[in-house]
């Protein structure tokens, strides 16, 4: 993977637009650390990019919906596109023209949202989003925390609360 970027005054913009872009040793080290920390992300000074692939369109849209609330809470929004079962994400802090800690944190949040996509095999989800069930389970005392495994009882209770008894 090529690591590209530019060196210049604040914001990473070159002071002389005619000169060739180069990377500082610090920039290269930071990019290598990010590549190790952010699994599956392509890293450059300008942006972090990743394509998530899901089982189908519905799962891809559920991921985007799951992520929306957390994205708003961070007040840092991605460039993203959806084509059937794929969501391609590009993260960059446009105000400074480079990748910042805000982008790194958002990448971690998106990975967490993608990982929360599925329930264990054999559990009837009743068509509900596991991430929504997990949050509801924590709020209603059925789960100790968001890392607790989802059980059939949690999905059943959520379904009955949302839809009425089965």
C-alpha atoms as a PDB file:
ATOM      1  CA  UNK A   1       0.000   0.000   0.000  1.00  0.00           C
ATOM      2  CA  UNK A   2       1.414   3.388  -0.920  1.00  0.00           C
ATOM      3  CA  UNK A   3       1.532   6.063   1.732  1.00  0.00           C
ATOM      4  CA  UNK A   4       1.056   9.496   0.215  1.00  0.00           C
ATOM      5  CA  UNK A   5       0.843  12.966   1.672  1.00  0.00           C
ATOM      6  CA  UNK A   6       2.282  16.401   1.733  1.00  0.00           C
ATOM      7  CA  UNK A   7       4.349  18.528   4.017  1.00  0.00           C
ATOM      8  CA  UNK A   8       3.726  22.216   4.552  1.00  0.00           C
ATOM      9  CA  UNK A   9       2.276  24.733   6.947  1.00  0.00           C
ATOM     10  CA  UNK A  10      -0.663  23.945   9.268  1.00  0.00           C
ATOM     11  CA  UNK A  11      -3.294  21.890   7.554  1.00  0.00           C
ATOM     12  CA  UNK A  12      -0.726  19.954   5.557  1.00  0.00           C
ATOM     13  CA  UNK A  13      -1.002  22.201   2.496  1.00  0.00           C
ATOM     14  CA  UNK A  14       2.253  22.836   0.653  1.00  0.00           C
ATOM     15  CA  UNK A  15       3.515  26.419   0.774  1.00  0.00           C
ATOM     16  CA  UNK A  16       4.686  26.135  -2.830  1.00  0.00           C
ATOM     17  CA  UNK A  17       1.973  24.496  -4.973  1.00  0.00           C
ATOM     18  CA  UNK A  18       4.486  23.787  -7.723  1.00  0.00           C
ATOM     19  CA  UNK A  19       6.732  21.529  -5.653  1.00  0.00           C
ATOM     20  CA  UNK A  20       6.390  17.748  -5.558  1.00  0.00           C
ATOM     21  CA  UNK A  21       4.535  16.296  -2.586  1.00  0.00           C
ATOM     22  CA  UNK A  22       6.768  14.612  -0.039  1.00  0.00           C
ATOM     23  CA  UNK A  23       6.276  12.923   3.297  1.00  0.00           C
ATOM     24  CA  UNK A  24       8.047  13.738   6.509  1.00  0.00           C
ATOM     25  CA  UNK A  25       9.410  10.897   8.623  1.00  0.00           C
ATOM     26  CA  UNK A  26       6.807  11.787  11.264  1.00  0.00           C
ATOM     27  CA  UNK A  27       4.020  11.501   8.693  1.00  0.00           C
ATOM     28  CA  UNK A  28       5.260   8.097   7.562  1.00  0.00           C
ATOM     29  CA  UNK A  29       5.513   6.807  11.159  1.00  0.00           C
ATOM     30  CA  UNK A  30       2.014   8.096  11.978  1.00  0.00           C
ATOM     31  CA  UNK A  31       0.577   6.438   8.861  1.00  0.00           C
ATOM     32  CA  UNK A  32       2.229   3.114   9.722  1.00  0.00           C
ATOM     33  CA  UNK A  33       0.865   3.267  13.284  1.00  0.00           C
ATOM     34  CA  UNK A  34      -2.616   4.033  11.956  1.00  0.00           C
ATOM     35  CA  UNK A  35      -2.471   1.171   9.450  1.00  0.00           C
ATOM     36  CA  UNK A  36      -1.619  -1.212  12.286  1.00  0.00           C
ATOM     37  CA  UNK A  37      -4.344   0.166  14.569  1.00  0.00           C
ATOM     38  CA  UNK A  38      -7.149   0.479  12.025  1.00  0.00           C
ATOM     39  CA  UNK A  39      -7.799  -2.935  10.510  1.00  0.00           C
ATOM     40  CA  UNK A  40      -8.696  -2.817   6.841  1.00  0.00           C
ATOM     41  CA  UNK A  41      -8.416   0.955   6.472  1.00  0.00           C
ATOM     42  CA  UNK A  42      -6.292   2.519   3.717  1.00  0.00           C
ATOM     43  CA  UNK A  43      -4.299   5.340   5.248  1.00  0.00           C
ATOM     44  CA  UNK A  44      -2.877   8.505   3.723  1.00  0.00           C
ATOM     45  CA  UNK A  45      -2.356  12.037   5.039  1.00  0.00           C
ATOM     46  CA  UNK A  46      -5.459  13.134   3.116  1.00  0.00           C
ATOM     47  CA  UNK A  47      -7.974  10.462   4.163  1.00  0.00           C
ATOM     48  CA  UNK A  48      -8.822   7.134   5.733  1.00  0.00           C
ATOM     49  CA  UNK A  49     -10.846   4.882   3.412  1.00  0.00           C
ATOM     50  CA  UNK A  50     -12.531   1.524   3.814  1.00  0.00           C
ATOM     51  CA  UNK A  51     -15.193  -0.529   2.082  1.00  0.00           C
ATOM     52  CA  UNK A  52     -17.460  -2.639   4.264  1.00  0.00           C
ATOM     53  CA  UNK A  53     -19.216  -5.594   2.670  1.00  0.00           C
ATOM     54  CA  UNK A  54     -22.428  -7.025   4.151  1.00  0.00           C
ATOM     55  CA  UNK A  55     -24.731  -9.945   3.344  1.00  0.00           C
ATOM     56  CA  UNK A  56     -27.228  -7.792   1.447  1.00  0.00           C
ATOM     57  CA  UNK A  57     -28.592  -4.285   0.936  1.00  0.00           C
ATOM     58  CA  UNK A  58     -30.688  -4.389   4.101  1.00  0.00           C
ATOM     59  CA  UNK A  59     -27.656  -5.229   6.252  1.00  0.00           C
ATOM     60  CA  UNK A  60     -25.635  -2.418   4.647  1.00  0.00           C
ATOM     61  CA  UNK A  61     -28.420   0.068   5.359  1.00  0.00           C
ATOM     62  CA  UNK A  62     -28.771  -1.220   8.927  1.00  0.00           C
ATOM     63  CA  UNK A  63     -25.072  -0.519   9.451  1.00  0.00           C
ATOM     64  CA  UNK A  64     -25.488   3.041   8.190  1.00  0.00           C
ATOM     65  CA  UNK A  65     -28.521   3.552  10.436  1.00  0.00           C
ATOM     66  CA  UNK A  66     -26.696   2.091  13.442  1.00  0.00           C
ATOM     67  CA  UNK A  67     -23.760   4.379  12.836  1.00  0.00           C
ATOM     68  CA  UNK A  68     -25.804   7.561  12.266  1.00  0.00           C
ATOM     69  CA  UNK A  69     -26.532   8.331  15.913  1.00  0.00           C
ATOM     70  CA  UNK A  70     -22.944   7.787  16.987  1.00  0.00           C
ATOM     71  CA  UNK A  71     -21.687   9.854  14.056  1.00  0.00           C
ATOM     72  CA  UNK A  72     -23.945  12.739  15.077  1.00  0.00           C
ATOM     73  CA  UNK A  73     -22.732  12.452  18.674  1.00  0.00           C
ATOM     74  CA  UNK A  74     -19.147  12.888  17.436  1.00  0.00           C
ATOM     75  CA  UNK A  75     -20.242  15.783  15.204  1.00  0.00           C
ATOM     76  CA  UNK A  76     -17.852  14.527  12.545  1.00  0.00           C
ATOM     77  CA  UNK A  77     -19.521  13.120   9.451  1.00  0.00           C
ATOM     78  CA  UNK A  78     -18.082  10.733   6.844  1.00  0.00           C
ATOM     79  CA  UNK A  79     -18.265  10.811   3.102  1.00  0.00           C
ATOM     80  CA  UNK A  80     -19.925   7.500   2.352  1.00  0.00           C
ATOM     81  CA  UNK A  81     -21.704   5.730  -0.451  1.00  0.00           C
ATOM     82  CA  UNK A  82     -23.797   2.593  -0.578  1.00  0.00           C
ATOM     83  CA  UNK A  83     -24.024   0.240  -3.540  1.00  0.00           C
ATOM     84  CA  UNK A  84     -26.174  -2.792  -2.748  1.00  0.00           C
ATOM     85  CA  UNK A  85     -24.238  -4.673  -0.018  1.00  0.00           C
ATOM     86  CA  UNK A  86     -21.192  -2.380   0.109  1.00  0.00           C
ATOM     87  CA  UNK A  87     -20.618   0.851   2.035  1.00  0.00           C
ATOM     88  CA  UNK A  88     -17.509   2.797   1.078  1.00  0.00           C
ATOM     89  CA  UNK A  89     -16.324   5.339   3.630  1.00  0.00           C
ATOM     90  CA  UNK A  90     -13.852   8.206   3.305  1.00  0.00           C
ATOM     91  CA  UNK A  91     -12.819  10.112   6.431  1.00  0.00           C
ATOM     92  CA  UNK A  92     -10.961  13.425   6.368  1.00  0.00           C
ATOM     93  CA  UNK A  93     -11.035  16.609   8.402  1.00  0.00           C
ATOM     94  CA  UNK A  94     -11.767  19.041   5.594  1.00  0.00           C
ATOM     95  CA  UNK A  95     -11.234  22.092   7.796  1.00  0.00           C
ATOM     96  CA  UNK A  96      -7.519  21.239   8.075  1.00  0.00           C
ATOM     97  CA  UNK A  97      -7.107  19.222   4.879  1.00  0.00           C
ATOM     98  CA  UNK A  98      -5.780  16.047   6.488  1.00  0.00           C
ATOM     99  CA  UNK A  99      -6.550  13.092   8.746  1.00  0.00           C
ATOM    100  CA  UNK A 100      -6.950  14.018  12.422  1.00  0.00           C
ATOM    101  CA  UNK A 101      -7.739  12.222  15.666  1.00  0.00           C
ATOM    102  CA  UNK A 102     -11.433  12.865  14.947  1.00  0.00           C
ATOM    103  CA  UNK A 103     -11.142  10.706  11.809  1.00  0.00           C
ATOM    104  CA  UNK A 104      -9.305   7.990  13.724  1.00  0.00           C
ATOM    105  CA  UNK A 105     -12.043   7.920  16.393  1.00  0.00           C
ATOM    106  CA  UNK A 106     -14.792   7.832  13.763  1.00  0.00           C
ATOM    107  CA  UNK A 107     -13.034   4.916  12.023  1.00  0.00           C
ATOM    108  CA  UNK A 108     -13.075   3.006  15.334  1.00  0.00           C
ATOM    109  CA  UNK A 109     -16.781   3.821  15.850  1.00  0.00           C
ATOM    110  CA  UNK A 110     -17.666   2.627  12.339  1.00  0.00           C
ATOM    111  CA  UNK A 111     -15.762  -0.618  12.886  1.00  0.00           C
ATOM    112  CA  UNK A 112     -17.662  -1.146  16.160  1.00  0.00           C
ATOM    113  CA  UNK A 113     -20.971  -0.542  14.366  1.00  0.00           C
ATOM    114  CA  UNK A 114     -20.031  -2.987  11.603  1.00  0.00           C
ATOM    115  CA  UNK A 115     -18.988  -5.627  14.157  1.00  0.00           C
ATOM    116  CA  UNK A 116     -22.330  -5.257  15.973  1.00  0.00           C
ATOM    117  CA  UNK A 117     -24.145  -6.288  12.799  1.00  0.00           C
ATOM    118  CA  UNK A 118     -24.999  -9.878  13.612  1.00  0.00           C
ATOM    119  CA  UNK A 119     -26.558 -11.997  16.320  1.00  0.00           C
ATOM    120  CA  UNK A 120     -25.308 -15.467  17.211  1.00  0.00           C
ATOM    121  CA  UNK A 121     -26.388 -18.288  14.882  1.00  0.00           C
ATOM    122  CA  UNK A 122     -29.674 -19.906  15.844  1.00  0.00           C
ATOM    123  CA  UNK A 123     -31.164 -16.811  17.487  1.00  0.00           C
ATOM    124  CA  UNK A 124     -34.459 -15.590  16.065  1.00  0.00           C
ATOM    125  CA  UNK A 125     -34.004 -11.818  15.744  1.00  0.00           C
ATOM    126  CA  UNK A 126     -37.619 -11.283  14.608  1.00  0.00           C
ATOM    127  CA  UNK A 127     -36.077  -9.038  11.953  1.00  0.00           C
ATOM    128  CA  UNK A 128     -34.819  -6.541  14.545  1.00  0.00           C
ATOM    129  CA  UNK A 129     -31.429  -4.846  14.356  1.00  0.00           C
ATOM    130  CA  UNK A 130     -29.107  -6.487  16.929  1.00  0.00           C
ATOM    131  CA  UNK A 131     -27.503  -3.131  17.773  1.00  0.00           C
ATOM    132  CA  UNK A 132     -30.904  -1.601  18.613  1.00  0.00           C
ATOM    133  CA  UNK A 133     -31.816  -4.662  20.693  1.00  0.00           C
ATOM    134  CA  UNK A 134     -28.485  -4.434  22.517  1.00  0.00           C
ATOM    135  CA  UNK A 135     -29.008  -0.742  23.416  1.00  0.00           C
ATOM    136  CA  UNK A 136     -32.589  -1.455  24.526  1.00  0.00           C
ATOM    137  CA  UNK A 137     -31.403  -4.435  26.578  1.00  0.00           C
ATOM    138  CA  UNK A 138     -28.854  -2.287  28.431  1.00  0.00           C
ATOM    139  CA  UNK A 139     -31.376   0.532  28.994  1.00  0.00           C
ATOM    140  CA  UNK A 140     -33.953  -1.926  30.365  1.00  0.00           C
ATOM    141  CA  UNK A 141     -31.581  -3.914  32.555  1.00  0.00           C
ATOM    142  CA  UNK A 142     -31.623  -7.137  30.527  1.00  0.00           C
ATOM    143  CA  UNK A 143     -27.924  -6.768  29.631  1.00  0.00           C
ATOM    144  CA  UNK A 144     -25.148  -5.624  31.976  1.00  0.00           C
ATOM    145  CA  UNK A 145     -23.414  -3.611  29.276  1.00  0.00           C
ATOM    146  CA  UNK A 146     -23.074  -3.276  25.509  1.00  0.00           C
ATOM    147  CA  UNK A 147     -20.422  -6.014  25.406  1.00  0.00           C
ATOM    148  CA  UNK A 148     -22.754  -8.647  26.927  1.00  0.00           C
ATOM    149  CA  UNK A 149     -23.749 -11.407  24.478  1.00  0.00           C
ATOM    150  CA  UNK A 150     -27.231 -11.174  23.028  1.00  0.00           C
ATOM    151  CA  UNK A 151     -29.495 -14.044  24.044  1.00  0.00           C
ATOM    152  CA  UNK A 152     -32.814 -15.174  22.592  1.00  0.00           C
ATOM    153  CA  UNK A 153     -34.629 -13.840  25.670  1.00  0.00           C
ATOM    154  CA  UNK A 154     -33.448 -10.303  24.922  1.00  0.00           C
ATOM    155  CA  UNK A 155     -34.729 -10.442  21.330  1.00  0.00           C
ATOM    156  CA  UNK A 156     -38.044 -11.915  22.487  1.00  0.00           C
ATOM    157  CA  UNK A 157     -38.505  -9.220  25.160  1.00  0.00           C
ATOM    158  CA  UNK A 158     -37.617  -6.474  22.683  1.00  0.00           C
ATOM    159  CA  UNK A 159     -39.991  -7.889  20.091  1.00  0.00           C
ATOM    160  CA  UNK A 160     -42.837  -8.173  22.557  1.00  0.00           C
ATOM    161  CA  UNK A 161     -42.251  -4.631  23.804  1.00  0.00           C
ATOM    162  CA  UNK A 162     -42.155  -3.270  20.257  1.00  0.00           C
ATOM    163  CA  UNK A 163     -44.796  -5.450  18.573  1.00  0.00           C
ATOM    164  CA  UNK A 164     -46.837  -7.084  21.289  1.00  0.00           C
ATOM    165  CA  UNK A 165     -46.684 -10.809  22.200  1.00  0.00           C
ATOM    166  CA  UNK A 166     -45.828 -13.254  19.417  1.00  0.00           C
END
